[in-house]
């Protein structure tokens, strides 16, 4: 029996495993190989790793985990999970694995606006986070394809960075094509727009069904509701990364730094509870 099983080996899951490993806790990290930022070539706004390829960051994390004998990594997908009085049960290809604690770090998946050609540029010239991708378009025009009230706030954040910020209702954009220095947008009135990049507001959803299977509480945003240490409403179940957030946040924090911090805090909570008198 493991002391902790972590499902998901992005930055939150890797950090949780590292923290547990440093405290010599028997930990299993399960990696399905699916990541929200799989299409991103370079991740930014992470101290010491600004511009790193996400795949390289994950590889470095796994290399560091190899130094800790109590941490095991398996490259496999999980079929289902269930809670019981002694902890959790995790089904991996018919094998039932047990642990005292479970950390969900499976992340979110993004459903993009249904604009032809948009998905081909997602994670490169099309993004949703100005903190992670805005600077790369510095001094050039960008488009904000967003019809919600948040579009005005996004424009305000990008105006010091871009030479021009054009806000468009996604319904006005017929298609998106790559250009030499950015994107070529074809609009419904027949006009075109050349921009360095575009920012969209994808609809995010839970990538995996495990939180729902366990019956944890959710926020209105669709994220798992957690306390500041990542504890969910179900005992011994924690969640970390962009799939979860506490009440004092308006929504998920889709940044590497926030995911890493959440993974560490979830692991600290587990270590403290394991060390408490029983």
C-alpha atoms as a PDB file:
ATOM      1  CA  UNK A   1       0.000   0.000   0.000  1.00  0.00           C
ATOM      2  CA  UNK A   2       1.285   3.437  -0.915  1.00  0.00           C
ATOM      3  CA  UNK A   3       1.064   6.423   1.355  1.00  0.00           C
ATOM      4  CA  UNK A   4       0.111   8.600  -1.609  1.00  0.00           C
ATOM      5  CA  UNK A   5      -0.861   8.104  -5.222  1.00  0.00           C
ATOM      6  CA  UNK A   6      -0.677  11.068  -7.589  1.00  0.00           C
ATOM      7  CA  UNK A   7      -2.612  10.971 -10.852  1.00  0.00           C
ATOM      8  CA  UNK A   8      -1.102  13.337 -13.406  1.00  0.00           C
ATOM      9  CA  UNK A   9       2.553  14.169 -14.033  1.00  0.00           C
ATOM     10  CA  UNK A  10       2.430  17.786 -15.117  1.00  0.00           C
ATOM     11  CA  UNK A  11       4.066  20.461 -12.953  1.00  0.00           C
ATOM     12  CA  UNK A  12       1.623  20.019 -10.053  1.00  0.00           C
ATOM     13  CA  UNK A  13       1.945  16.243  -9.930  1.00  0.00           C
ATOM     14  CA  UNK A  14       5.721  16.272 -10.349  1.00  0.00           C
ATOM     15  CA  UNK A  15       6.142  18.806  -7.559  1.00  0.00           C
ATOM     16  CA  UNK A  16       3.842  16.862  -5.243  1.00  0.00           C
ATOM     17  CA  UNK A  17       5.908  13.734  -5.895  1.00  0.00           C
ATOM     18  CA  UNK A  18       9.162  15.614  -5.263  1.00  0.00           C
ATOM     19  CA  UNK A  19       7.962  16.996  -1.935  1.00  0.00           C
ATOM     20  CA  UNK A  20       6.679  13.602  -0.801  1.00  0.00           C
ATOM     21  CA  UNK A  21       9.876  11.934  -1.955  1.00  0.00           C
ATOM     22  CA  UNK A  22      12.021  14.324   0.041  1.00  0.00           C
ATOM     23  CA  UNK A  23      10.046  13.298   3.130  1.00  0.00           C
ATOM     24  CA  UNK A  24      10.568   9.588   2.314  1.00  0.00           C
ATOM     25  CA  UNK A  25       6.875   8.862   1.793  1.00  0.00           C
ATOM     26  CA  UNK A  26       5.921   5.876  -0.347  1.00  0.00           C
ATOM     27  CA  UNK A  27       4.520   7.554  -3.433  1.00  0.00           C
ATOM     28  CA  UNK A  28       3.267   6.418  -6.830  1.00  0.00           C
ATOM     29  CA  UNK A  29       3.065   8.924  -9.695  1.00  0.00           C
ATOM     30  CA  UNK A  30       0.851   7.901 -12.616  1.00  0.00           C
ATOM     31  CA  UNK A  31       1.457   9.611 -15.957  1.00  0.00           C
ATOM     32  CA  UNK A  32      -1.052   9.209 -18.799  1.00  0.00           C
ATOM     33  CA  UNK A  33       1.089  11.268 -21.174  1.00  0.00           C
ATOM     34  CA  UNK A  34      -1.710  13.805 -21.770  1.00  0.00           C
ATOM     35  CA  UNK A  35      -1.014  17.452 -20.963  1.00  0.00           C
ATOM     36  CA  UNK A  36      -2.929  20.697 -21.373  1.00  0.00           C
ATOM     37  CA  UNK A  37       0.133  22.469 -22.787  1.00  0.00           C
ATOM     38  CA  UNK A  38       1.107  19.660 -25.170  1.00  0.00           C
ATOM     39  CA  UNK A  39       1.029  22.034 -28.173  1.00  0.00           C
ATOM     40  CA  UNK A  40       3.173  24.706 -26.492  1.00  0.00           C
ATOM     41  CA  UNK A  41       6.759  25.017 -27.729  1.00  0.00           C
ATOM     42  CA  UNK A  42       7.964  27.432 -25.061  1.00  0.00           C
ATOM     43  CA  UNK A  43       6.484  28.150 -21.632  1.00  0.00           C
ATOM     44  CA  UNK A  44       7.130  31.479 -19.968  1.00  0.00           C
ATOM     45  CA  UNK A  45       6.801  33.392 -16.713  1.00  0.00           C
ATOM     46  CA  UNK A  46       8.474  30.689 -14.628  1.00  0.00           C
ATOM     47  CA  UNK A  47      11.497  31.891 -12.676  1.00  0.00           C
ATOM     48  CA  UNK A  48      14.669  30.096 -13.713  1.00  0.00           C
ATOM     49  CA  UNK A  49      12.934  28.411 -16.644  1.00  0.00           C
ATOM     50  CA  UNK A  50      11.512  31.271 -18.701  1.00  0.00           C
ATOM     51  CA  UNK A  51      11.125  29.998 -22.260  1.00  0.00           C
ATOM     52  CA  UNK A  52      11.589  26.327 -21.405  1.00  0.00           C
ATOM     53  CA  UNK A  53       9.826  23.710 -23.506  1.00  0.00           C
ATOM     54  CA  UNK A  54       7.148  22.093 -21.322  1.00  0.00           C
ATOM     55  CA  UNK A  55       8.329  18.633 -22.368  1.00  0.00           C
ATOM     56  CA  UNK A  56      11.858  19.509 -21.223  1.00  0.00           C
ATOM     57  CA  UNK A  57      10.551  20.779 -17.892  1.00  0.00           C
ATOM     58  CA  UNK A  58       8.679  17.536 -17.321  1.00  0.00           C
ATOM     59  CA  UNK A  59      11.759  15.511 -18.290  1.00  0.00           C
ATOM     60  CA  UNK A  60      13.899  17.445 -15.817  1.00  0.00           C
ATOM     61  CA  UNK A  61      11.329  16.828 -13.110  1.00  0.00           C
ATOM     62  CA  UNK A  62      11.356  13.096 -13.722  1.00  0.00           C
ATOM     63  CA  UNK A  63      15.164  13.071 -13.654  1.00  0.00           C
ATOM     64  CA  UNK A  64      15.118  14.767 -10.267  1.00  0.00           C
ATOM     65  CA  UNK A  65      12.577  12.275  -8.909  1.00  0.00           C
ATOM     66  CA  UNK A  66      14.943   9.417  -9.748  1.00  0.00           C
ATOM     67  CA  UNK A  67      17.058  10.477  -6.753  1.00  0.00           C
ATOM     68  CA  UNK A  68      14.270   9.520  -4.323  1.00  0.00           C
ATOM     69  CA  UNK A  69      13.874   5.802  -3.697  1.00  0.00           C
ATOM     70  CA  UNK A  70      10.366   6.069  -2.246  1.00  0.00           C
ATOM     71  CA  UNK A  71       8.919   7.561  -5.440  1.00  0.00           C
ATOM     72  CA  UNK A  72       7.729   5.228  -8.204  1.00  0.00           C
ATOM     73  CA  UNK A  73       6.600   6.430 -11.637  1.00  0.00           C
ATOM     74  CA  UNK A  74       4.374   4.485 -14.005  1.00  0.00           C
ATOM     75  CA  UNK A  75       3.514   5.609 -17.530  1.00  0.00           C
ATOM     76  CA  UNK A  76      -0.067   4.467 -17.660  1.00  0.00           C
ATOM     77  CA  UNK A  77      -3.641   5.727 -17.654  1.00  0.00           C
ATOM     78  CA  UNK A  78      -6.053   5.223 -14.779  1.00  0.00           C
ATOM     79  CA  UNK A  79      -9.375   3.495 -15.402  1.00  0.00           C
ATOM     80  CA  UNK A  80     -11.255   4.555 -12.269  1.00  0.00           C
ATOM     81  CA  UNK A  81     -10.852   5.642  -8.661  1.00  0.00           C
ATOM     82  CA  UNK A  82     -12.865   5.108  -5.477  1.00  0.00           C
ATOM     83  CA  UNK A  83     -12.603   6.147  -1.851  1.00  0.00           C
ATOM     84  CA  UNK A  84     -12.939   3.766   1.083  1.00  0.00           C
ATOM     85  CA  UNK A  85     -12.503   4.147   4.870  1.00  0.00           C
ATOM     86  CA  UNK A  86      -8.794   3.293   4.674  1.00  0.00           C
ATOM     87  CA  UNK A  87      -7.946   5.612   1.798  1.00  0.00           C
ATOM     88  CA  UNK A  88      -8.364   5.213  -1.941  1.00  0.00           C
ATOM     89  CA  UNK A  89      -8.436   2.528  -4.613  1.00  0.00           C
ATOM     90  CA  UNK A  90      -7.064   3.220  -8.077  1.00  0.00           C
ATOM     91  CA  UNK A  91      -7.757   0.879 -10.991  1.00  0.00           C
ATOM     92  CA  UNK A  92      -4.895   0.696 -13.484  1.00  0.00           C
ATOM     93  CA  UNK A  93      -5.581  -1.782 -16.283  1.00  0.00           C
ATOM     94  CA  UNK A  94      -7.435  -4.062 -13.900  1.00  0.00           C
ATOM     95  CA  UNK A  95      -4.819  -3.845 -11.152  1.00  0.00           C
ATOM     96  CA  UNK A  96      -6.195  -2.293  -7.969  1.00  0.00           C
ATOM     97  CA  UNK A  97      -3.680  -0.023  -6.261  1.00  0.00           C
ATOM     98  CA  UNK A  98      -4.286   1.324  -2.772  1.00  0.00           C
ATOM     99  CA  UNK A  99      -3.053   4.394  -0.959  1.00  0.00           C
ATOM    100  CA  UNK A 100      -3.834   6.379   2.158  1.00  0.00           C
ATOM    101  CA  UNK A 101      -4.077   9.598   0.145  1.00  0.00           C
ATOM    102  CA  UNK A 102      -4.790  10.580  -3.433  1.00  0.00           C
ATOM    103  CA  UNK A 103      -3.680  13.722  -5.246  1.00  0.00           C
ATOM    104  CA  UNK A 104      -5.591  14.562  -8.407  1.00  0.00           C
ATOM    105  CA  UNK A 105      -3.381  16.559 -10.770  1.00  0.00           C
ATOM    106  CA  UNK A 106      -5.060  15.659 -14.048  1.00  0.00           C
ATOM    107  CA  UNK A 107      -5.577  19.225 -15.230  1.00  0.00           C
ATOM    108  CA  UNK A 108      -8.066  20.761 -17.602  1.00  0.00           C
ATOM    109  CA  UNK A 109      -8.813  20.400 -21.311  1.00  0.00           C
ATOM    110  CA  UNK A 110      -9.711  23.349 -23.525  1.00  0.00           C
ATOM    111  CA  UNK A 111     -12.516  23.543 -26.090  1.00  0.00           C
ATOM    112  CA  UNK A 112     -11.609  26.280 -28.550  1.00  0.00           C
ATOM    113  CA  UNK A 113     -14.000  28.533 -30.490  1.00  0.00           C
ATOM    114  CA  UNK A 114     -15.069  26.617 -33.631  1.00  0.00           C
ATOM    115  CA  UNK A 115     -13.130  28.771 -36.085  1.00  0.00           C
ATOM    116  CA  UNK A 116     -11.527  26.855 -38.982  1.00  0.00           C
ATOM    117  CA  UNK A 117      -7.751  26.922 -38.735  1.00  0.00           C
ATOM    118  CA  UNK A 118      -7.627  28.198 -35.153  1.00  0.00           C
ATOM    119  CA  UNK A 119      -6.672  24.912 -33.483  1.00  0.00           C
ATOM    120  CA  UNK A 120      -3.609  24.460 -35.709  1.00  0.00           C
ATOM    121  CA  UNK A 121      -2.015  27.507 -34.056  1.00  0.00           C
ATOM    122  CA  UNK A 122      -3.141  26.826 -30.472  1.00  0.00           C
ATOM    123  CA  UNK A 123      -0.294  27.117 -27.991  1.00  0.00           C
ATOM    124  CA  UNK A 124       1.938  29.034 -30.395  1.00  0.00           C
ATOM    125  CA  UNK A 125       0.348  32.035 -32.119  1.00  0.00           C
ATOM    126  CA  UNK A 126      -3.015  31.507 -30.440  1.00  0.00           C
ATOM    127  CA  UNK A 127      -3.094  31.601 -26.645  1.00  0.00           C
ATOM    128  CA  UNK A 128      -5.313  32.475 -23.716  1.00  0.00           C
ATOM    129  CA  UNK A 129      -2.851  33.774 -21.106  1.00  0.00           C
ATOM    130  CA  UNK A 130      -1.194  37.188 -21.647  1.00  0.00           C
ATOM    131  CA  UNK A 131       1.244  36.538 -18.813  1.00  0.00           C
ATOM    132  CA  UNK A 132       2.521  33.388 -20.511  1.00  0.00           C
ATOM    133  CA  UNK A 133       2.504  34.504 -24.159  1.00  0.00           C
ATOM    134  CA  UNK A 134       1.955  38.267 -24.420  1.00  0.00           C
ATOM    135  CA  UNK A 135       5.578  39.427 -24.438  1.00  0.00           C
ATOM    136  CA  UNK A 136       6.383  37.326 -27.507  1.00  0.00           C
ATOM    137  CA  UNK A 137       4.099  39.607 -29.552  1.00  0.00           C
ATOM    138  CA  UNK A 138       5.694  42.823 -28.259  1.00  0.00           C
ATOM    139  CA  UNK A 139       5.487  45.821 -30.575  1.00  0.00           C
ATOM    140  CA  UNK A 140       3.155  44.080 -33.029  1.00  0.00           C
ATOM    141  CA  UNK A 141      -0.648  43.965 -33.404  1.00  0.00           C
ATOM    142  CA  UNK A 142      -2.670  41.247 -31.687  1.00  0.00           C
ATOM    143  CA  UNK A 143      -6.313  40.217 -31.801  1.00  0.00           C
ATOM    144  CA  UNK A 144      -8.534  39.364 -28.849  1.00  0.00           C
ATOM    145  CA  UNK A 145     -11.221  36.968 -30.060  1.00  0.00           C
ATOM    146  CA  UNK A 146     -13.579  37.302 -27.159  1.00  0.00           C
ATOM    147  CA  UNK A 147     -17.136  38.608 -26.910  1.00  0.00           C
ATOM    148  CA  UNK A 148     -17.354  38.523 -23.099  1.00  0.00           C
ATOM    149  CA  UNK A 149     -16.873  41.444 -20.680  1.00  0.00           C
ATOM    150  CA  UNK A 150     -13.406  40.049 -19.923  1.00  0.00           C
ATOM    151  CA  UNK A 151     -12.263  41.178 -23.387  1.00  0.00           C
ATOM    152  CA  UNK A 152     -11.902  44.781 -22.212  1.00  0.00           C
ATOM    153  CA  UNK A 153      -9.696  43.715 -19.302  1.00  0.00           C
ATOM    154  CA  UNK A 154      -7.572  41.584 -21.593  1.00  0.00           C
ATOM    155  CA  UNK A 155      -7.165  44.490 -23.995  1.00  0.00           C
ATOM    156  CA  UNK A 156      -6.047  46.707 -21.126  1.00  0.00           C
ATOM    157  CA  UNK A 157      -3.418  44.174 -20.058  1.00  0.00           C
ATOM    158  CA  UNK A 158      -2.074  43.787 -23.587  1.00  0.00           C
ATOM    159  CA  UNK A 159      -2.002  47.467 -24.617  1.00  0.00           C
ATOM    160  CA  UNK A 160       1.433  48.169 -23.020  1.00  0.00           C
ATOM    161  CA  UNK A 161       2.829  45.149 -24.876  1.00  0.00           C
ATOM    162  CA  UNK A 162       1.305  45.199 -28.371  1.00  0.00           C
ATOM    163  CA  UNK A 163       1.353  47.985 -30.949  1.00  0.00           C
ATOM    164  CA  UNK A 164      -2.404  47.543 -31.391  1.00  0.00           C
ATOM    165  CA  UNK A 165      -5.079  45.380 -29.748  1.00  0.00           C
ATOM    166  CA  UNK A 166      -8.124  44.568 -31.893  1.00  0.00           C
ATOM    167  CA  UNK A 167     -11.101  43.041 -30.076  1.00  0.00           C
ATOM    168  CA  UNK A 168     -13.379  40.881 -32.203  1.00  0.00           C
ATOM    169  CA  UNK A 169     -16.396  38.692 -31.584  1.00  0.00           C
ATOM    170  CA  UNK A 170     -15.232  35.175 -32.553  1.00  0.00           C
ATOM    171  CA  UNK A 171     -18.454  34.822 -34.557  1.00  0.00           C
ATOM    172  CA  UNK A 172     -17.103  37.452 -36.976  1.00  0.00           C
ATOM    173  CA  UNK A 173     -14.021  35.400 -37.831  1.00  0.00           C
ATOM    174  CA  UNK A 174     -14.519  32.951 -40.699  1.00  0.00           C
ATOM    175  CA  UNK A 175     -11.096  31.343 -40.575  1.00  0.00           C
ATOM    176  CA  UNK A 176      -7.527  31.659 -39.315  1.00  0.00           C
ATOM    177  CA  UNK A 177      -4.459  31.004 -41.461  1.00  0.00           C
ATOM    178  CA  UNK A 178      -0.776  31.185 -40.723  1.00  0.00           C
ATOM    179  CA  UNK A 179       1.244  34.051 -42.167  1.00  0.00           C
ATOM    180  CA  UNK A 180       4.978  34.734 -42.378  1.00  0.00           C
ATOM    181  CA  UNK A 181       5.048  36.762 -39.174  1.00  0.00           C
ATOM    182  CA  UNK A 182       1.811  35.730 -37.498  1.00  0.00           C
ATOM    183  CA  UNK A 183      -1.821  35.110 -38.419  1.00  0.00           C
ATOM    184  CA  UNK A 184      -4.154  36.056 -41.260  1.00  0.00           C
ATOM    185  CA  UNK A 185      -7.783  36.445 -40.108  1.00  0.00           C
ATOM    186  CA  UNK A 186     -10.625  36.368 -42.624  1.00  0.00           C
ATOM    187  CA  UNK A 187     -13.711  38.180 -41.352  1.00  0.00           C
ATOM    188  CA  UNK A 188     -17.370  37.712 -42.211  1.00  0.00           C
ATOM    189  CA  UNK A 189     -17.577  40.979 -44.156  1.00  0.00           C
ATOM    190  CA  UNK A 190     -14.819  39.829 -46.517  1.00  0.00           C
ATOM    191  CA  UNK A 191     -12.104  41.957 -44.954  1.00  0.00           C
ATOM    192  CA  UNK A 192      -8.870  40.528 -43.559  1.00  0.00           C
ATOM    193  CA  UNK A 193      -6.654  41.293 -40.605  1.00  0.00           C
ATOM    194  CA  UNK A 194      -2.953  40.570 -40.137  1.00  0.00           C
ATOM    195  CA  UNK A 195      -1.819  40.113 -36.529  1.00  0.00           C
ATOM    196  CA  UNK A 196       1.177  38.637 -34.744  1.00  0.00           C
ATOM    197  CA  UNK A 197      -1.041  36.492 -32.528  1.00  0.00           C
ATOM    198  CA  UNK A 198      -4.500  36.066 -31.096  1.00  0.00           C
ATOM    199  CA  UNK A 199      -5.901  35.534 -27.628  1.00  0.00           C
ATOM    200  CA  UNK A 200      -9.043  33.463 -27.164  1.00  0.00           C
ATOM    201  CA  UNK A 201     -11.227  32.322 -24.261  1.00  0.00           C
ATOM    202  CA  UNK A 202     -11.535  28.542 -24.512  1.00  0.00           C
ATOM    203  CA  UNK A 203     -14.149  26.672 -22.517  1.00  0.00           C
ATOM    204  CA  UNK A 204     -12.216  24.601 -20.009  1.00  0.00           C
ATOM    205  CA  UNK A 205     -13.387  21.289 -18.563  1.00  0.00           C
ATOM    206  CA  UNK A 206     -11.993  18.580 -16.346  1.00  0.00           C
ATOM    207  CA  UNK A 207      -9.660  16.388 -18.404  1.00  0.00           C
ATOM    208  CA  UNK A 208     -10.402  13.272 -16.342  1.00  0.00           C
ATOM    209  CA  UNK A 209     -13.587  11.949 -14.674  1.00  0.00           C
ATOM    210  CA  UNK A 210     -11.985  11.071 -11.347  1.00  0.00           C
ATOM    211  CA  UNK A 211     -13.103  14.101  -9.334  1.00  0.00           C
ATOM    212  CA  UNK A 212     -16.693  13.403 -10.318  1.00  0.00           C
ATOM    213  CA  UNK A 213     -16.294   9.690  -9.554  1.00  0.00           C
ATOM    214  CA  UNK A 214     -15.129  10.571  -6.048  1.00  0.00           C
ATOM    215  CA  UNK A 215     -18.013  12.964  -5.439  1.00  0.00           C
ATOM    216  CA  UNK A 216     -15.905  15.993  -4.513  1.00  0.00           C
ATOM    217  CA  UNK A 217     -17.416  19.466  -4.436  1.00  0.00           C
ATOM    218  CA  UNK A 218     -16.926  21.763  -7.432  1.00  0.00           C
ATOM    219  CA  UNK A 219     -16.692  25.522  -7.816  1.00  0.00           C
ATOM    220  CA  UNK A 220     -19.035  27.423 -10.122  1.00  0.00           C
ATOM    221  CA  UNK A 221     -16.068  27.683 -12.498  1.00  0.00           C
ATOM    222  CA  UNK A 222     -16.104  23.898 -12.949  1.00  0.00           C
ATOM    223  CA  UNK A 223     -12.872  23.483 -11.013  1.00  0.00           C
ATOM    224  CA  UNK A 224     -12.608  21.265  -7.953  1.00  0.00           C
ATOM    225  CA  UNK A 225     -13.214  23.169  -4.739  1.00  0.00           C
ATOM    226  CA  UNK A 226     -10.212  22.956  -2.417  1.00  0.00           C
ATOM    227  CA  UNK A 227      -8.860  24.660   0.680  1.00  0.00           C
ATOM    228  CA  UNK A 228      -5.505  26.497   0.499  1.00  0.00           C
ATOM    229  CA  UNK A 229      -3.679  23.171   0.962  1.00  0.00           C
ATOM    230  CA  UNK A 230      -5.556  21.401  -1.822  1.00  0.00           C
ATOM    231  CA  UNK A 231      -7.877  19.360   0.383  1.00  0.00           C
ATOM    232  CA  UNK A 232     -11.187  18.573  -1.287  1.00  0.00           C
ATOM    233  CA  UNK A 233     -14.554  17.951   0.361  1.00  0.00           C
ATOM    234  CA  UNK A 234     -13.772  14.220   0.490  1.00  0.00           C
ATOM    235  CA  UNK A 235     -11.380  13.087   3.189  1.00  0.00           C
ATOM    236  CA  UNK A 236      -7.922  11.955   1.981  1.00  0.00           C
ATOM    237  CA  UNK A 237      -8.539  13.332  -1.530  1.00  0.00           C
ATOM    238  CA  UNK A 238      -6.548  16.373  -2.631  1.00  0.00           C
ATOM    239  CA  UNK A 239      -6.392  18.246  -5.936  1.00  0.00           C
ATOM    240  CA  UNK A 240      -3.675  20.485  -7.346  1.00  0.00           C
ATOM    241  CA  UNK A 241      -2.942  22.488 -10.455  1.00  0.00           C
ATOM    242  CA  UNK A 242      -5.341  24.244 -12.799  1.00  0.00           C
ATOM    243  CA  UNK A 243      -8.079  21.656 -12.193  1.00  0.00           C
ATOM    244  CA  UNK A 244      -8.784  23.120  -8.736  1.00  0.00           C
ATOM    245  CA  UNK A 245      -8.895  26.385  -6.849  1.00  0.00           C
ATOM    246  CA  UNK A 246      -9.824  27.718  -3.429  1.00  0.00           C
ATOM    247  CA  UNK A 247     -12.764  30.018  -2.739  1.00  0.00           C
ATOM    248  CA  UNK A 248     -10.665  33.191  -2.714  1.00  0.00           C
ATOM    249  CA  UNK A 249      -9.761  32.782  -6.406  1.00  0.00           C
ATOM    250  CA  UNK A 250     -12.271  33.730  -9.126  1.00  0.00           C
ATOM    251  CA  UNK A 251     -11.104  30.842 -11.306  1.00  0.00           C
ATOM    252  CA  UNK A 252      -8.295  28.449 -12.049  1.00  0.00           C
ATOM    253  CA  UNK A 253      -4.761  29.820 -12.197  1.00  0.00           C
ATOM    254  CA  UNK A 254      -3.419  28.461 -15.478  1.00  0.00           C
ATOM    255  CA  UNK A 255       0.275  29.079 -14.834  1.00  0.00           C
ATOM    256  CA  UNK A 256       3.196  26.744 -14.220  1.00  0.00           C
ATOM    257  CA  UNK A 257       4.268  28.586 -11.070  1.00  0.00           C
ATOM    258  CA  UNK A 258       0.803  28.326  -9.526  1.00  0.00           C
ATOM    259  CA  UNK A 259       0.564  24.631 -10.410  1.00  0.00           C
ATOM    260  CA  UNK A 260       3.949  23.908  -8.849  1.00  0.00           C
ATOM    261  CA  UNK A 261       2.981  25.770  -5.680  1.00  0.00           C
ATOM    262  CA  UNK A 262      -0.321  23.889  -5.457  1.00  0.00           C
ATOM    263  CA  UNK A 263       1.430  20.546  -5.848  1.00  0.00           C
ATOM    264  CA  UNK A 264       3.854  21.358  -3.082  1.00  0.00           C
ATOM    265  CA  UNK A 265       1.113  22.488  -0.700  1.00  0.00           C
ATOM    266  CA  UNK A 266      -0.949  19.341  -1.314  1.00  0.00           C
ATOM    267  CA  UNK A 267       2.082  17.189  -0.546  1.00  0.00           C
ATOM    268  CA  UNK A 268       2.829  19.186   2.618  1.00  0.00           C
ATOM    269  CA  UNK A 269      -0.741  18.596   3.792  1.00  0.00           C
ATOM    270  CA  UNK A 270      -0.337  14.845   3.286  1.00  0.00           C
ATOM    271  CA  UNK A 271       3.010  14.742   5.109  1.00  0.00           C
ATOM    272  CA  UNK A 272       1.582  16.654   8.055  1.00  0.00           C
ATOM    273  CA  UNK A 273      -1.457  14.381   8.301  1.00  0.00           C
ATOM    274  CA  UNK A 274       0.642  11.225   8.033  1.00  0.00           C
ATOM    275  CA  UNK A 275       2.863  12.504  10.844  1.00  0.00           C
ATOM    276  CA  UNK A 276      -0.021  13.389  13.155  1.00  0.00           C
ATOM    277  CA  UNK A 277      -0.713  11.104  16.120  1.00  0.00           C
ATOM    278  CA  UNK A 278      -3.365   8.487  15.320  1.00  0.00           C
END
